Amino acid sequence: MWKSIVVLSIGLVSGAAAHLGYFNAYAPACFSADAECEMEWLRAELDLSEEQYVSITRLHGNSAAQIRSLSRKVRDLELLLAELEAERVTEGYVDYLEIRNYMEVKRKLDEACMKSTSDLIASVGDVMNMDQRKRYFSIVQSRIN
């Protein structure tokens, strides 16, 4: 009887240790969307020098205002779409001219977002050596897709 209990206890403890070990090994480096945490992770992942790290941090800081501005525009555009949808549902009326304008603004905003992101990625890649750049582009590409 005691042998069974000991075997079950050892199995339970081993299973719990394996479970925790596996998930801790593959846990994300940052649990928040904090920019500093992401930058530290990038520094460790790509083995960036201090000079590279400072340059990349400055590039991200310089683009932060533009990214926030684009983010506000995207949010405003989503609110406009919600208003158009609410009008369609409540009144049964579709303003096709307004939808056309929405689509045009959305297309231009999407282009601006893509250009901003591409410019930032390219400028950050320019700071790195070839091996770091390849690794960085593979990381960024997997997150974009």
Protein backbone atom coordinates (compact mmCIF):
# COMPACT_ATOMS: atom_id res chain seq x y z
CA MET A 1 0.00 0.00 0.00
CA TRP A 2 2.74 2.44 0.97
CA LYS A 3 4.68 1.63 -2.17
CA SER A 4 1.69 2.59 -4.31
CA ILE A 5 1.26 5.89 -2.51
CA VAL A 6 5.00 6.67 -2.83
CA VAL A 7 4.98 5.81 -6.55
CA LEU A 8 1.89 7.95 -7.15
CA SER A 9 3.38 10.84 -5.14
CA ILE A 10 6.67 10.68 -7.06
CA GLY A 11 4.76 10.56 -10.35
CA LEU A 12 2.62 13.54 -9.37
CA VAL A 13 5.62 15.61 -8.27
CA SER A 14 7.58 14.65 -11.41
CA GLY A 15 4.65 15.53 -13.67
CA ALA A 16 4.16 18.89 -11.97
CA ALA A 17 7.90 19.66 -12.23
CA ALA A 18 7.97 18.69 -15.91
CA HIS A 19 4.89 20.78 -16.62
CA LEU A 20 6.24 23.88 -14.85
CA GLY A 21 9.70 23.44 -16.34
CA TYR A 22 8.37 23.17 -19.88
CA PHE A 23 6.08 26.18 -19.68
CA ASN A 24 8.69 28.31 -17.91
CA ALA A 25 11.25 27.45 -20.58
CA TYR A 26 8.91 28.54 -23.38
CA ALA A 27 7.25 31.46 -21.60
CA PRO A 28 7.41 34.83 -23.32
CA ALA A 29 10.21 37.09 -22.14
CA CYS A 30 7.81 39.96 -21.54
CA PHE A 31 4.36 39.52 -20.09
CA SER A 32 3.38 43.10 -20.81
CA ALA A 33 3.50 45.33 -23.85
CA ASP A 34 6.03 47.55 -22.09
CA ALA A 35 8.46 49.01 -24.63
CA GLU A 36 11.45 48.81 -22.28
CA CYS A 37 10.85 45.11 -21.66
CA GLU A 38 10.58 44.47 -25.40
CA MET A 39 13.76 46.42 -26.07
CA GLU A 40 15.66 44.49 -23.39
CA TRP A 41 14.41 41.24 -24.88
CA LEU A 42 15.53 42.39 -28.35
CA ARG A 43 18.92 43.35 -26.93
CA ALA A 44 19.41 39.91 -25.41
CA GLU A 45 17.99 38.02 -28.39
CA LEU A 46 20.17 39.78 -30.97
CA ASP A 47 23.21 40.32 -28.75
CA LEU A 48 23.23 44.05 -29.43
CA SER A 49 26.13 46.23 -28.38
CA GLU A 50 25.50 49.22 -26.16
CA GLU A 51 25.84 51.60 -29.11
CA GLN A 52 23.39 49.57 -31.21
CA TYR A 53 20.93 49.39 -28.33
CA VAL A 54 21.02 53.16 -27.76
CA SER A 55 20.54 53.84 -31.50
CA ILE A 56 17.62 51.42 -31.79
CA THR A 57 15.99 52.79 -28.64
CA ARG A 58 16.33 56.33 -30.04
CA LEU A 59 14.80 55.25 -33.37
CA HIS A 60 11.83 53.69 -31.58
CA GLY A 61 11.45 56.76 -29.38
CA ASN A 62 11.52 59.08 -32.40
CA SER A 63 8.79 57.10 -34.16
CA ALA A 64 6.58 56.77 -31.07
CA ALA A 65 4.69 60.03 -31.65
CA GLN A 66 3.91 59.14 -35.26
CA ILE A 67 2.79 55.65 -34.25
CA ARG A 68 0.49 57.07 -31.54
CA SER A 69 -0.95 59.53 -34.05
CA LEU A 70 -1.64 56.76 -36.56
CA SER A 71 -3.14 54.65 -33.79
CA ARG A 72 -5.55 57.45 -32.87
CA LYS A 73 -6.56 57.82 -36.50
CA VAL A 74 -7.21 54.08 -36.78
CA ARG A 75 -9.34 54.19 -33.61
CA ASP A 76 -11.30 57.18 -34.93
CA LEU A 77 -11.86 55.40 -38.22
CA GLU A 78 -13.14 52.30 -36.42
CA LEU A 79 -15.57 54.50 -34.45
CA LEU A 80 -16.78 56.03 -37.72
CA LEU A 81 -17.41 52.57 -39.13
CA ALA A 82 -19.32 51.61 -35.98
CA GLU A 83 -21.47 54.74 -36.38
CA LEU A 84 -22.17 53.91 -40.03
CA GLU A 85 -23.13 50.37 -39.06
CA ALA A 86 -25.39 51.60 -36.25
CA GLU A 87 -27.10 53.95 -38.70
CA ARG A 88 -27.59 51.10 -41.14
CA VAL A 89 -29.08 48.84 -38.49
CA THR A 90 -31.34 51.41 -36.81
CA GLU A 91 -32.52 53.41 -39.80
CA GLY A 92 -32.04 50.90 -42.58
CA TYR A 93 -30.21 53.60 -44.51
CA VAL A 94 -26.83 53.12 -46.17
CA ASP A 95 -24.88 56.20 -47.17
CA TYR A 96 -22.76 54.78 -49.98
CA LEU A 97 -20.86 58.02 -50.44
CA GLU A 98 -19.85 57.97 -46.79
CA ILE A 99 -18.77 54.32 -47.07
CA ARG A 100 -16.73 55.18 -50.16
CA ASN A 101 -15.05 58.02 -48.27
CA TYR A 102 -14.41 55.67 -45.34
CA MET A 103 -12.79 53.10 -47.64
CA GLU A 104 -10.56 55.74 -49.24
CA VAL A 105 -9.43 57.10 -45.87
CA LYS A 106 -8.86 53.55 -44.60
CA ARG A 107 -6.75 52.68 -47.65
CA LYS A 108 -4.59 55.79 -47.19
CA LEU A 109 -4.26 55.15 -43.46
CA ASP A 110 -3.28 51.52 -44.05
CA GLU A 111 -0.61 52.72 -46.49
CA ALA A 112 0.69 55.25 -43.96
CA CYS A 113 0.84 52.57 -41.25
CA MET A 114 2.69 50.16 -43.52
CA LYS A 115 5.15 52.88 -44.60
CA SER A 116 5.78 53.91 -41.02
CA THR A 117 6.36 50.31 -39.96
CA SER A 118 8.58 49.55 -42.96
CA ASP A 119 10.64 52.69 -42.40
CA LEU A 120 11.17 51.84 -38.74
CA ILE A 121 12.12 48.24 -39.51
CA ALA A 122 14.54 49.36 -42.23
CA SER A 123 16.17 52.01 -40.05
CA VAL A 124 16.56 49.56 -37.16
CA GLY A 125 18.00 46.97 -39.55
CA ASP A 126 20.57 49.50 -40.77
CA VAL A 127 22.05 49.71 -37.26
CA MET A 128 22.70 45.95 -37.10
CA ASN A 129 25.31 43.70 -38.65
CA MET A 130 24.26 41.11 -41.24
CA ASP A 131 23.63 38.21 -38.83
CA GLN A 132 21.66 40.38 -36.42
CA ARG A 133 19.66 41.84 -39.31
CA LYS A 134 18.70 38.39 -40.63
CA ARG A 135 17.56 37.29 -37.18
CA TYR A 136 15.71 40.59 -36.61
CA PHE A 137 13.88 40.38 -39.94
CA SER A 138 12.85 36.78 -39.21
CA ILE A 139 11.48 37.83 -35.81
CA VAL A 140 9.66 40.87 -37.20
CA GLN A 141 8.29 38.94 -40.18
CA SER A 142 6.83 36.24 -37.93
CA ARG A 143 5.11 38.88 -35.77
CA ILE A 144 3.71 40.83 -38.72
CA ASN A 145 2.20 37.77 -40.38
